[in-house]
C-alpha atoms as a PDB file:
ATOM      1  CA  MET A   1      29.685 -38.041 -31.463  1.00  0.00           C
ATOM      2  CA  GLN A   2      29.458 -37.866 -27.668  1.00  0.00           C
ATOM      3  CA  THR A   3      26.471 -39.176 -25.731  1.00  0.00           C
ATOM      4  CA  TYR A   4      25.289 -37.290 -22.675  1.00  0.00           C
ATOM      5  CA  THR A   5      22.791 -38.890 -20.282  1.00  0.00           C
ATOM      6  CA  LEU A   6      20.537 -36.710 -18.151  1.00  0.00           C
ATOM      7  CA  LEU A   7      18.701 -38.489 -15.334  1.00  0.00           C
ATOM      8  CA  ILE A   8      15.253 -37.024 -14.655  1.00  0.00           C
ATOM      9  CA  LYS A   9      15.531 -38.185 -11.041  1.00  0.00           C
ATOM     10  CA  ASP A  10      18.371 -35.675 -10.662  1.00  0.00           C
ATOM     11  CA  ILE A  11      16.076 -32.744 -11.498  1.00  0.00           C
ATOM     12  CA  ALA A  12      13.221 -33.903  -9.259  1.00  0.00           C
ATOM     13  CA  LYS A  13      14.873 -32.890  -5.987  1.00  0.00           C
ATOM     14  CA  SER A  14      15.062 -29.092  -5.807  1.00  0.00           C
ATOM     15  CA  HIS A  15      15.239 -26.036  -8.039  1.00  0.00           C
ATOM     16  CA  THR A  16      18.890 -25.493  -7.077  1.00  0.00           C
ATOM     17  CA  GLN A  17      19.770 -29.066  -8.025  1.00  0.00           C
ATOM     18  CA  THR A  18      17.792 -28.792 -11.263  1.00  0.00           C
ATOM     19  CA  ILE A  19      19.640 -25.602 -12.238  1.00  0.00           C
ATOM     20  CA  ALA A  20      22.981 -27.314 -11.541  1.00  0.00           C
ATOM     21  CA  VAL A  21      21.997 -30.202 -13.838  1.00  0.00           C
ATOM     22  CA  CYS A  22      20.778 -27.784 -16.521  1.00  0.00           C
ATOM     23  CA  ASN A  23      23.978 -25.726 -16.287  1.00  0.00           C
ATOM     24  CA  ALA A  24      26.042 -28.874 -16.836  1.00  0.00           C
ATOM     25  CA  LEU A  25      23.895 -29.685 -19.883  1.00  0.00           C
ATOM     26  CA  VAL A  26      24.387 -26.202 -21.345  1.00  0.00           C
ATOM     27  CA  ASN A  27      28.155 -26.410 -20.805  1.00  0.00           C
ATOM     28  CA  GLN A  28      28.221 -29.833 -22.460  1.00  0.00           C
ATOM     29  CA  TYR A  29      26.611 -28.491 -25.639  1.00  0.00           C
ATOM     30  CA  LYS A  30      28.785 -25.384 -25.669  1.00  0.00           C
ATOM     31  CA  SER A  31      31.891 -27.566 -25.611  1.00  0.00           C
ATOM     32  CA  ALA A  32      30.516 -30.372 -27.821  1.00  0.00           C
ATOM     33  CA  PRO A  33      27.649 -29.071 -30.003  1.00  0.00           C
ATOM     34  CA  LYS A  34      27.091 -32.438 -31.722  1.00  0.00           C
ATOM     35  CA  THR A  35      26.329 -34.234 -28.462  1.00  0.00           C
ATOM     36  CA  LYS A  36      23.526 -36.804 -28.513  1.00  0.00           C
ATOM     37  CA  LEU A  37      21.251 -36.279 -25.506  1.00  0.00           C
ATOM     38  CA  VAL A  38      19.706 -39.225 -23.666  1.00  0.00           C
ATOM     39  CA  ILE A  39      16.948 -38.275 -21.207  1.00  0.00           C
ATOM     40  CA  ASP A  40      16.451 -41.138 -18.768  1.00  0.00           C
ATOM     41  CA  PHE A  41      13.113 -41.335 -16.927  1.00  0.00           C
ATOM     42  CA  SER A  42      13.865 -44.525 -15.007  1.00  0.00           C
ATOM     43  CA  ASP A  43      13.900 -44.588 -11.190  1.00  0.00           C
ATOM     44  CA  CYS A  44      11.702 -41.484 -10.955  1.00  0.00           C
ATOM     45  CA  ASP A  45       7.993 -41.595 -10.206  1.00  0.00           C
ATOM     46  CA  PHE A  46       7.221 -37.946  -9.343  1.00  0.00           C
ATOM     47  CA  ILE A  47       8.297 -34.491 -10.471  1.00  0.00           C
ATOM     48  CA  TYR A  48       6.858 -31.014 -10.111  1.00  0.00           C
ATOM     49  CA  PRO A  49       6.239 -29.260 -13.443  1.00  0.00           C
ATOM     50  CA  ASP A  50       8.304 -26.283 -12.278  1.00  0.00           C
ATOM     51  CA  TYR A  51      11.385 -28.530 -12.291  1.00  0.00           C
ATOM     52  CA  ALA A  52      10.638 -29.860 -15.773  1.00  0.00           C
ATOM     53  CA  ILE A  53      10.188 -26.389 -17.274  1.00  0.00           C
ATOM     54  CA  LEU A  54      13.724 -25.438 -16.206  1.00  0.00           C
ATOM     55  CA  LEU A  55      15.066 -28.302 -18.308  1.00  0.00           C
ATOM     56  CA  LEU A  56      12.856 -27.284 -21.219  1.00  0.00           C
ATOM     57  CA  CYS A  57      13.986 -23.656 -21.001  1.00  0.00           C
ATOM     58  CA  SER A  58      17.629 -24.757 -20.917  1.00  0.00           C
ATOM     59  CA  ILE A  59      17.194 -26.826 -24.071  1.00  0.00           C
ATOM     60  CA  LYS A  60      15.474 -23.881 -25.749  1.00  0.00           C
ATOM     61  CA  TYR A  61      18.437 -21.710 -24.725  1.00  0.00           C
ATOM     62  CA  ILE A  62      20.883 -24.169 -26.306  1.00  0.00           C
ATOM     63  CA  GLU A  63      18.805 -24.156 -29.491  1.00  0.00           C
ATOM     64  CA  ASN A  64      18.744 -20.349 -29.416  1.00  0.00           C
ATOM     65  CA  LEU A  65      22.549 -20.486 -29.614  1.00  0.00           C
ATOM     66  CA  GLY A  66      22.139 -22.209 -32.972  1.00  0.00           C
ATOM     67  CA  ILE A  67      22.868 -25.709 -31.660  1.00  0.00           C
ATOM     68  CA  LYS A  68      20.507 -28.533 -32.563  1.00  0.00           C
ATOM     69  CA  VAL A  69      19.564 -30.762 -29.628  1.00  0.00           C
ATOM     70  CA  SER A  70      18.649 -34.328 -30.579  1.00  0.00           C
ATOM     71  CA  GLY A  71      18.765 -37.716 -28.927  1.00  0.00           C
ATOM     72  CA  THR A  72      16.567 -40.360 -27.355  1.00  0.00           C
ATOM     73  CA  LEU A  73      14.273 -40.945 -24.400  1.00  0.00           C
ATOM     74  CA  LEU A  74      14.586 -43.860 -21.998  1.00  0.00           C
ATOM     75  CA  LEU A  75      11.070 -44.234 -20.636  1.00  0.00           C
ATOM     76  CA  GLY A  76      11.681 -47.040 -18.142  1.00  0.00           C
ATOM     77  CA  LYS A  77       9.111 -49.504 -16.838  1.00  0.00           C
ATOM     78  CA  ASN A  78       6.868 -46.969 -15.106  1.00  0.00           C
ATOM     79  CA  ASN A  79       5.422 -44.438 -17.551  1.00  0.00           C
ATOM     80  CA  LYS A  80       3.492 -42.518 -14.894  1.00  0.00           C
ATOM     81  CA  ILE A  81       5.838 -39.536 -14.854  1.00  0.00           C
ATOM     82  CA  VAL A  82       6.155 -39.562 -18.654  1.00  0.00           C
ATOM     83  CA  SER A  83       2.363 -39.491 -19.013  1.00  0.00           C
ATOM     84  CA  TYR A  84       2.122 -36.644 -16.536  1.00  0.00           C
ATOM     85  CA  LEU A  85       4.745 -34.526 -18.309  1.00  0.00           C
ATOM     86  CA  ALA A  86       3.099 -35.310 -21.644  1.00  0.00           C
ATOM     87  CA  LYS A  87      -0.179 -34.045 -20.254  1.00  0.00           C
ATOM     88  CA  MET A  88       1.596 -30.876 -19.132  1.00  0.00           C
ATOM     89  CA  ASN A  89       2.933 -30.276 -22.708  1.00  0.00           C
ATOM     90  CA  PHE A  90       6.582 -30.944 -21.865  1.00  0.00           C
ATOM     91  CA  PHE A  91       7.216 -33.218 -24.844  1.00  0.00           C
ATOM     92  CA  GLU A  92       5.093 -31.211 -27.263  1.00  0.00           C
ATOM     93  CA  ASN A  93       7.218 -28.142 -26.524  1.00  0.00           C
ATOM     94  CA  LEU A  94      10.309 -30.248 -27.249  1.00  0.00           C
ATOM     95  CA  ASN A  95       8.744 -31.424 -30.530  1.00  0.00           C
ATOM     96  CA  VAL A  96       8.962 -35.044 -29.353  1.00  0.00           C
ATOM     97  CA  LYS A  97       6.334 -37.643 -30.246  1.00  0.00           C
ATOM     98  CA  LEU A  98       5.770 -40.344 -27.661  1.00  0.00           C
ATOM     99  CA  PRO A  99       4.958 -44.007 -28.367  1.00  0.00           C
ATOM    100  CA  LEU A 100       2.077 -43.944 -25.878  1.00  0.00           C
ATOM    101  CA  SER A 101      -1.320 -42.342 -25.478  1.00  0.00           C
ATOM    102  CA  ILE A 102      -1.437 -38.996 -23.684  1.00  0.00           C
ATOM    103  CA  PRO A 103      -4.031 -38.627 -20.911  1.00  0.00           C
ATOM    104  CA  LYS A 104      -6.597 -35.862 -21.188  1.00  0.00           C
ATOM    105  CA  PHE A 105      -5.549 -32.572 -19.639  1.00  0.00           C
ATOM    106  CA  ASN A 106      -7.858 -30.919 -17.103  1.00  0.00           C
ATOM    107  CA  PRO A 107      -7.499 -27.115 -17.389  1.00  0.00           C
ATOM    108  CA  ASN A 108      -9.226 -26.715 -14.027  1.00  0.00           C
ATOM    109  CA  ASN A 109      -6.211 -28.158 -12.189  1.00  0.00           C
ATOM    110  CA  ALA A 110      -3.200 -26.647 -13.894  1.00  0.00           C
ATOM    111  CA  VAL A 111      -1.796 -24.424 -16.628  1.00  0.00           C
ATOM    112  CA  GLN A 112       0.312 -26.421 -19.058  1.00  0.00           C
ATOM    113  CA  ILE A 113       3.916 -25.560 -19.801  1.00  0.00           C
ATOM    114  CA  GLN A 114       3.762 -22.828 -22.418  1.00  0.00           C
ATOM    115  CA  ARG A 115       5.687 -20.071 -24.095  1.00  0.00           C
ATOM    116  CA  TYR A 116       4.352 -16.562 -23.610  1.00  0.00           C
ATOM    117  CA  THR A 117       5.004 -13.062 -24.879  1.00  0.00           C
ATOM    118  CA  SER A 118       3.447  -9.680 -24.206  1.00  0.00           C
ATOM    119  CA  GLU A 119       0.823 -10.565 -26.812  1.00  0.00           C
ATOM    120  CA  ASN A 120      -0.662 -13.511 -24.902  1.00  0.00           C
ATOM    121  CA  GLN A 121       0.388 -12.494 -21.376  1.00  0.00           C
ATOM    122  CA  LEU A 122      -3.167 -11.582 -20.346  1.00  0.00           C
ATOM    123  CA  GLU A 123      -4.490 -14.857 -21.733  1.00  0.00           C
ATOM    124  CA  VAL A 124      -1.923 -16.799 -19.698  1.00  0.00           C
ATOM    125  CA  LEU A 125      -2.775 -14.814 -16.567  1.00  0.00           C
ATOM    126  CA  ASN A 126      -6.479 -15.524 -16.998  1.00  0.00           C
ATOM    127  CA  SER A 127      -5.836 -19.247 -17.479  1.00  0.00           C
ATOM    128  CA  ILE A 128      -3.925 -19.329 -14.164  1.00  0.00           C
ATOM    129  CA  LEU A 129      -6.664 -17.477 -12.334  1.00  0.00           C
ATOM    130  CA  LYS A 130      -9.303 -19.732 -13.910  1.00  0.00           C
ATOM    131  CA  VAL A 131      -7.681 -22.709 -12.172  1.00  0.00           C
ATOM    132  CA  LEU A 132      -8.111 -20.957  -8.848  1.00  0.00           C
ATOM    133  CA  ARG A 133     -11.661 -19.860  -9.582  1.00  0.00           C
ATOM    134  CA  GLU A 134     -12.618 -23.426 -10.481  1.00  0.00           C
ATOM    135  CA  LYS A 135     -10.790 -25.294  -7.729  1.00  0.00           C
ATOM    136  CA  GLY A 136      -9.956 -22.951  -4.903  1.00  0.00           C
ATOM    137  CA  SER A 137     -12.362 -21.402  -2.398  1.00  0.00           C
ATOM    138  CA  LEU A 138     -10.451 -18.143  -2.350  1.00  0.00           C
ATOM    139  CA  ASN A 139     -11.057 -15.124  -0.215  1.00  0.00           C
ATOM    140  CA  ASP A 140     -11.663 -12.120  -2.497  1.00  0.00           C
ATOM    141  CA  ASN A 141      -8.597 -10.296  -1.136  1.00  0.00           C
ATOM    142  CA  VAL A 142      -6.367 -13.302  -1.845  1.00  0.00           C
ATOM    143  CA  TYR A 143      -7.764 -13.567  -5.372  1.00  0.00           C
ATOM    144  CA  ALA A 144      -7.082  -9.877  -6.010  1.00  0.00           C
ATOM    145  CA  SER A 145      -3.569 -10.289  -4.578  1.00  0.00           C
ATOM    146  CA  LEU A 146      -2.849 -13.254  -6.854  1.00  0.00           C
ATOM    147  CA  ASP A 147      -4.177 -11.419  -9.896  1.00  0.00           C
ATOM    148  CA  TYR A 148      -1.918  -8.468  -9.179  1.00  0.00           C
ATOM    149  CA  CYS A 149       1.253 -10.418  -8.354  1.00  0.00           C
ATOM    150  CA  PHE A 150       0.953 -13.035 -11.125  1.00  0.00           C
ATOM    151  CA  ASN A 151       0.572 -10.290 -13.713  1.00  0.00           C
ATOM    152  CA  GLU A 152       3.576  -8.431 -12.270  1.00  0.00           C
ATOM    153  CA  ILE A 153       5.712 -11.606 -12.357  1.00  0.00           C
ATOM    154  CA  LEU A 154       4.827 -12.342 -15.973  1.00  0.00           C
ATOM    155  CA  ASP A 155       5.579  -8.757 -16.925  1.00  0.00           C
ATOM    156  CA  ASN A 156       8.793  -8.599 -14.903  1.00  0.00           C
ATOM    157  CA  VAL A 157      10.365 -11.622 -16.571  1.00  0.00           C
ATOM    158  CA  LEU A 158       9.713 -10.134 -20.019  1.00  0.00           C
ATOM    159  CA  ASN A 159      11.243  -6.898 -18.751  1.00  0.00           C
ATOM    160  CA  HIS A 160      14.565  -8.664 -18.070  1.00  0.00           C
ATOM    161  CA  THR A 161      14.984 -10.357 -21.447  1.00  0.00           C
ATOM    162  CA  ASP A 162      15.917  -9.060 -24.892  1.00  0.00           C
ATOM    163  CA  GLU A 163      14.003 -11.986 -26.429  1.00  0.00           C
ATOM    164  CA  LYS A 164      10.692 -10.797 -24.891  1.00  0.00           C
ATOM    165  CA  VAL A 165       9.747 -14.451 -24.448  1.00  0.00           C
ATOM    166  CA  GLY A 166       9.137 -16.379 -21.241  1.00  0.00           C
ATOM    167  CA  TRP A 167       8.022 -19.855 -20.213  1.00  0.00           C
ATOM    168  CA  VAL A 168       5.379 -20.507 -17.577  1.00  0.00           C
ATOM    169  CA  VAL A 169       3.643 -23.368 -15.794  1.00  0.00           C
ATOM    170  CA  ALA A 170       1.355 -23.460 -12.778  1.00  0.00           C
ATOM    171  CA  GLN A 171      -0.437 -26.143 -10.780  1.00  0.00           C
ATOM    172  CA  TYR A 172      -2.898 -26.039  -7.920  1.00  0.00           C
ATOM    173  CA  PHE A 173      -2.626 -28.735  -5.248  1.00  0.00           C
ATOM    174  CA  GLU A 174      -6.058 -28.929  -3.688  1.00  0.00           C
ATOM    175  CA  ASN A 175      -5.077 -31.293  -0.856  1.00  0.00           C
ATOM    176  CA  ILE A 176      -2.650 -28.724   0.605  1.00  0.00           C
ATOM    177  CA  ASN A 177      -4.392 -25.518  -0.570  1.00  0.00           C
ATOM    178  CA  SER A 178      -1.321 -24.421  -2.489  1.00  0.00           C
ATOM    179  CA  ILE A 179      -0.464 -23.185  -5.960  1.00  0.00           C
ATOM    180  CA  ARG A 180       3.028 -23.433  -7.460  1.00  0.00           C
ATOM    181  CA  LEU A 181       3.928 -21.098 -10.320  1.00  0.00           C
ATOM    182  CA  ILE A 182       7.206 -20.623 -12.130  1.00  0.00           C
ATOM    183  CA  VAL A 183       8.151 -18.200 -14.886  1.00  0.00           C
ATOM    184  CA  CYS A 184      11.551 -18.359 -16.553  1.00  0.00           C
ATOM    185  CA  ASP A 185      13.547 -17.087 -19.520  1.00  0.00           C
ATOM    186  CA  PHE A 186      17.050 -17.232 -20.950  1.00  0.00           C
ATOM    187  CA  GLY A 187      17.517 -13.486 -21.310  1.00  0.00           C
ATOM    188  CA  MET A 188      20.038 -11.000 -19.931  1.00  0.00           C
ATOM    189  CA  GLY A 189      19.239 -11.652 -16.271  1.00  0.00           C
ATOM    190  CA  ILE A 190      18.542  -9.367 -13.327  1.00  0.00           C
ATOM    191  CA  HIS A 191      22.117  -8.112 -12.839  1.00  0.00           C
ATOM    192  CA  THR A 192      22.638  -6.926 -16.414  1.00  0.00           C
ATOM    193  CA  SER A 193      19.104  -5.574 -16.620  1.00  0.00           C
ATOM    194  CA  LEU A 194      19.280  -3.458 -13.456  1.00  0.00           C
ATOM    195  CA  ASN A 195      22.766  -2.219 -14.315  1.00  0.00           C
ATOM    196  CA  GLN A 196      21.324  -0.403 -17.305  1.00  0.00           C
ATOM    197  CA  LYS A 197      20.552   2.167 -14.619  1.00  0.00           C
ATOM    198  CA  HIS A 198      22.578   1.138 -11.541  1.00  0.00           C
ATOM    199  CA  ASN A 199      26.053  -0.141 -10.675  1.00  0.00           C
ATOM    200  CA  PHE A 200      25.223  -3.200  -8.538  1.00  0.00           C
ATOM    201  CA  THR A 201      27.247  -6.301  -7.879  1.00  0.00           C
ATOM    202  CA  GLU A 202      25.414  -9.494  -8.826  1.00  0.00           C
ATOM    203  CA  GLU A 203      24.492 -10.127  -5.181  1.00  0.00           C
ATOM    204  CA  GLU A 204      23.298  -6.550  -4.698  1.00  0.00           C
ATOM    205  CA  ALA A 205      21.169  -6.733  -7.828  1.00  0.00           C
ATOM    206  CA  ILE A 206      19.221  -9.841  -6.813  1.00  0.00           C
ATOM    207  CA  ALA A 207      18.832  -8.610  -3.232  1.00  0.00           C
ATOM    208  CA  LYS A 208      17.654  -5.135  -4.223  1.00  0.00           C
ATOM    209  CA  CYS A 209      15.294  -6.185  -7.055  1.00  0.00           C
ATOM    210  CA  ILE A 210      12.540  -6.804  -4.464  1.00  0.00           C
ATOM    211  CA  GLU A 211      12.932  -3.311  -2.991  1.00  0.00           C
ATOM    212  CA  SER A 212      10.331  -0.703  -3.897  1.00  0.00           C
ATOM    213  CA  GLY A 213      11.436   1.646  -6.669  1.00  0.00           C
ATOM    214  CA  VAL A 214      14.432  -0.388  -7.857  1.00  0.00           C
ATOM    215  CA  THR A 215      14.111  -0.664 -11.625  1.00  0.00           C
ATOM    216  CA  ASN A 216      16.085  -0.807 -14.862  1.00  0.00           C
ATOM    217  CA  GLY A 217      14.220   2.281 -15.995  1.00  0.00           C
ATOM    218  CA  LYS A 218      11.564   0.393 -17.950  1.00  0.00           C
ATOM    219  CA  GLY A 219       9.100  -0.026 -15.093  1.00  0.00           C
ATOM    220  CA  GLN A 220       8.149   1.385 -11.723  1.00  0.00           C
ATOM    221  CA  GLY A 221      10.127  -1.132  -9.665  1.00  0.00           C
ATOM    222  CA  HIS A 222       7.048  -2.265  -7.779  1.00  0.00           C
ATOM    223  CA  GLY A 223       6.208  -5.732  -9.124  1.00  0.00           C
ATOM    224  CA  LEU A 224       8.760  -7.884  -7.299  1.00  0.00           C
ATOM    225  CA  PHE A 225       8.462  -5.712  -4.185  1.00  0.00           C
ATOM    226  CA  ALA A 226       4.712  -6.351  -4.124  1.00  0.00           C
ATOM    227  CA  THR A 227       5.194 -10.061  -4.787  1.00  0.00           C
ATOM    228  CA  ALA A 228       7.756 -10.424  -1.989  1.00  0.00           C
ATOM    229  CA  SER A 229       5.447  -8.531   0.378  1.00  0.00           C
ATOM    230  CA  PHE A 230       2.523 -10.771  -0.567  1.00  0.00           C
ATOM    231  CA  VAL A 231       4.588 -13.945  -0.054  1.00  0.00           C
ATOM    232  CA  LYS A 232       5.635 -12.868   3.437  1.00  0.00           C
ATOM    233  CA  LEU A 233       2.086 -11.997   4.468  1.00  0.00           C
ATOM    234  CA  ASN A 234       0.766 -15.220   2.942  1.00  0.00           C
ATOM    235  CA  LYS A 235       3.422 -17.401   4.651  1.00  0.00           C
ATOM    236  CA  GLY A 236       4.369 -18.643   1.191  1.00  0.00           C
ATOM    237  CA  TRP A 237       7.687 -18.825  -0.643  1.00  0.00           C
ATOM    238  CA  LEU A 238       9.467 -16.842  -3.365  1.00  0.00           C
ATOM    239  CA  SER A 239      12.696 -17.808  -5.107  1.00  0.00           C
ATOM    240  CA  LEU A 240      14.499 -15.726  -7.725  1.00  0.00           C
ATOM    241  CA  PHE A 241      17.271 -17.309  -9.778  1.00  0.00           C
ATOM    242  CA  SER A 242      19.535 -15.286 -12.040  1.00  0.00           C
ATOM    243  CA  GLY A 243      23.175 -15.636 -12.995  1.00  0.00           C
ATOM    244  CA  ASN A 244      25.049 -17.293 -10.132  1.00  0.00           C
ATOM    245  CA  LYS A 245      22.698 -16.084  -7.398  1.00  0.00           C
ATOM    246  CA  LYS A 246      19.453 -17.194  -5.793  1.00  0.00           C
ATOM    247  CA  LEU A 247      17.208 -15.097  -3.555  1.00  0.00           C
ATOM    248  CA  ASN A 248      14.844 -16.889  -1.176  1.00  0.00           C
ATOM    249  CA  VAL A 249      12.023 -14.932   0.461  1.00  0.00           C
ATOM    250  CA  SER A 250       9.757 -16.304   3.186  1.00  0.00           C
ATOM    251  CA  GLU A 251       7.890 -15.037   6.227  1.00  0.00           C
ATOM    252  CA  LYS A 252      10.964 -15.769   8.364  1.00  0.00           C
ATOM    253  CA  GLU A 253      13.904 -14.608   6.246  1.00  0.00           C
ATOM    254  CA  THR A 254      15.277 -13.175   3.024  1.00  0.00           C
ATOM    255  CA  ILE A 255      18.587 -14.677   1.985  1.00  0.00           C
ATOM    256  CA  VAL A 256      20.935 -14.723  -1.035  1.00  0.00           C
ATOM    257  CA  LYS A 257      22.785 -17.927  -1.951  1.00  0.00           C
ATOM    258  CA  ASP A 258      25.232 -19.005  -4.647  1.00  0.00           C
ATOM    259  CA  ILE A 259      24.000 -21.362  -7.396  1.00  0.00           C
ATOM    260  CA  ALA A 260      25.218 -22.833 -10.654  1.00  0.00           C
ATOM    261  CA  LYS A 261      24.650 -20.322 -13.444  1.00  0.00           C
ATOM    262  CA  TRP A 262      21.126 -19.774 -14.741  1.00  0.00           C
ATOM    263  CA  GLN A 263      21.185 -18.078 -18.144  1.00  0.00           C
ATOM    264  CA  GLY A 264      18.427 -15.555 -17.517  1.00  0.00           C
ATOM    265  CA  THR A 265      15.781 -15.016 -14.858  1.00  0.00           C
ATOM    266  CA  CYS A 266      13.543 -17.466 -13.054  1.00  0.00           C
ATOM    267  CA  VAL A 267      10.778 -16.538 -10.597  1.00  0.00           C
ATOM    268  CA  TYR A 268       9.134 -19.258  -8.508  1.00  0.00           C
ATOM    269  CA  ILE A 269       6.354 -18.729  -5.980  1.00  0.00           C
ATOM    270  CA  ARG A 270       4.357 -21.031  -3.773  1.00  0.00           C
ATOM    271  CA  ILE A 271       1.191 -19.486  -2.371  1.00  0.00           C
ATOM    272  CA  ASN A 272      -1.200 -20.743   0.320  1.00  0.00           C
ATOM    273  CA  THR A 273      -4.669 -20.161  -1.079  1.00  0.00           C
ATOM    274  CA  ASN A 274      -6.279 -20.535   2.363  1.00  0.00           C
ATOM    275  CA  VAL A 275      -4.213 -17.799   4.068  1.00  0.00           C
ATOM    276  CA  GLU A 276      -5.919 -14.412   3.830  1.00  0.00           C
ATOM    277  CA  VAL A 277      -3.896 -11.381   2.762  1.00  0.00           C
ATOM    278  CA  ASP A 278      -4.941  -7.740   2.510  1.00  0.00           C
ATOM    279  CA  TYR A 279      -3.959  -6.655  -1.001  1.00  0.00           C
ATOM    280  CA  THR A 280      -4.021  -2.965  -0.005  1.00  0.00           C
ATOM    281  CA  GLU A 281      -0.794  -3.494   1.959  1.00  0.00           C
ATOM    282  CA  PHE A 282       1.256  -3.737  -1.248  1.00  0.00           C
ATOM    283  CA  THR A 283      -0.883  -2.204  -4.023  1.00  0.00           C
ATOM    284  CA  SER A 284      -1.385   1.496  -4.601  1.00  0.00           C
ATOM    285  CA  PRO A 285      -3.451   3.256  -1.912  1.00  0.00           C
ATOM    286  CA  PHE A 286      -4.928   5.430  -4.654  1.00  0.00           C
ATOM    287  CA  TYR A 287      -6.313   2.567  -6.742  1.00  0.00           C
ATOM    288  CA  ASP A 288      -8.855  -0.073  -5.667  1.00  0.00           C
ATOM    289  CA  TYR A 289      -7.319  -3.081  -7.384  1.00  0.00           C
ATOM    290  CA  LYS A 290      -9.904  -5.566  -6.119  1.00  0.00           C
ATOM    291  CA  LYS A 291     -12.756  -3.447  -7.430  1.00  0.00           C
ATOM    292  CA  GLN A 292     -11.149  -3.376 -10.880  1.00  0.00           C
ATOM    293  CA  VAL A 293     -10.437  -7.140 -10.850  1.00  0.00           C
ATOM    294  CA  PHE A 294     -13.999  -8.093 -10.059  1.00  0.00           C
ATOM    295  CA  GLU A 295     -15.461  -5.563 -12.474  1.00  0.00           C
ATOM    296  CA  ASN A 296     -13.363  -7.164 -15.233  1.00  0.00           C
ATOM    297  CA  LEU A 297     -14.366 -10.651 -14.084  1.00  0.00           C
ATOM    298  CA  PHE A 298     -18.042  -9.719 -14.205  1.00  0.00           C
ATOM    299  CA  GLU A 299     -17.655  -8.219 -17.668  1.00  0.00           C
ATOM    300  CA  ASN A 300     -16.056 -11.483 -18.924  1.00  0.00           C
END
């Protein structure tokens, strides 16, 4: 039996680096299904939850192939990062019991790593927005924009997977007025999904998926367009990962880059909660989205 060691410090650098590490892990199990996995937490004292969820989703993908993933954890001397990931439900989702106490989770700061489907999508959305209601002093237009775009992102990921299952985590960083959210799956990916209706190359597919009206025929093709528009106006950041391509969207540029293969779709956004955005610039001019959002909030 082969042993394969994955260093957590190697997935704490960037999403692109994390995907490369995860791709190597997937290839290892495809070539040697009985591999024993060693996850080494030493020499790493900080990680964003959106990096950790990519590793979790990759392991779930391997298991979905019918391969059992088992092994050991090397916790190291400093358990700070282990405690943090435990609090964010990383180990619980891996069905791993830790030999240490797990700190209490504060739902007002973050949304734990969790699996979602169309059945609990609204519940997940509301838990994300609750974090912002509790911790962020948001302008009403920004809140309405986030409500709209987060719901579209959750829905869009499910739209690109046969499994109809996604993974999500979000955290608000009060000191920099920023929220990071990532949604990922191990489904068919953007290229295959859009080519149910189009004939795009992989690069064309990921570039055009943020254009208005581009769809696989199952939606209106507005969700990622609206999200990209919001990100630019908000001076935030959007990254889409699918197949061997990555799309980065910011106020300054939109660019496609090559990456190691991601077996599905991943949508990451970083939003500045203190930068005002007019939601009417990317929602329907015939529908007052903010009015509906706050009517629903008042009812709840």
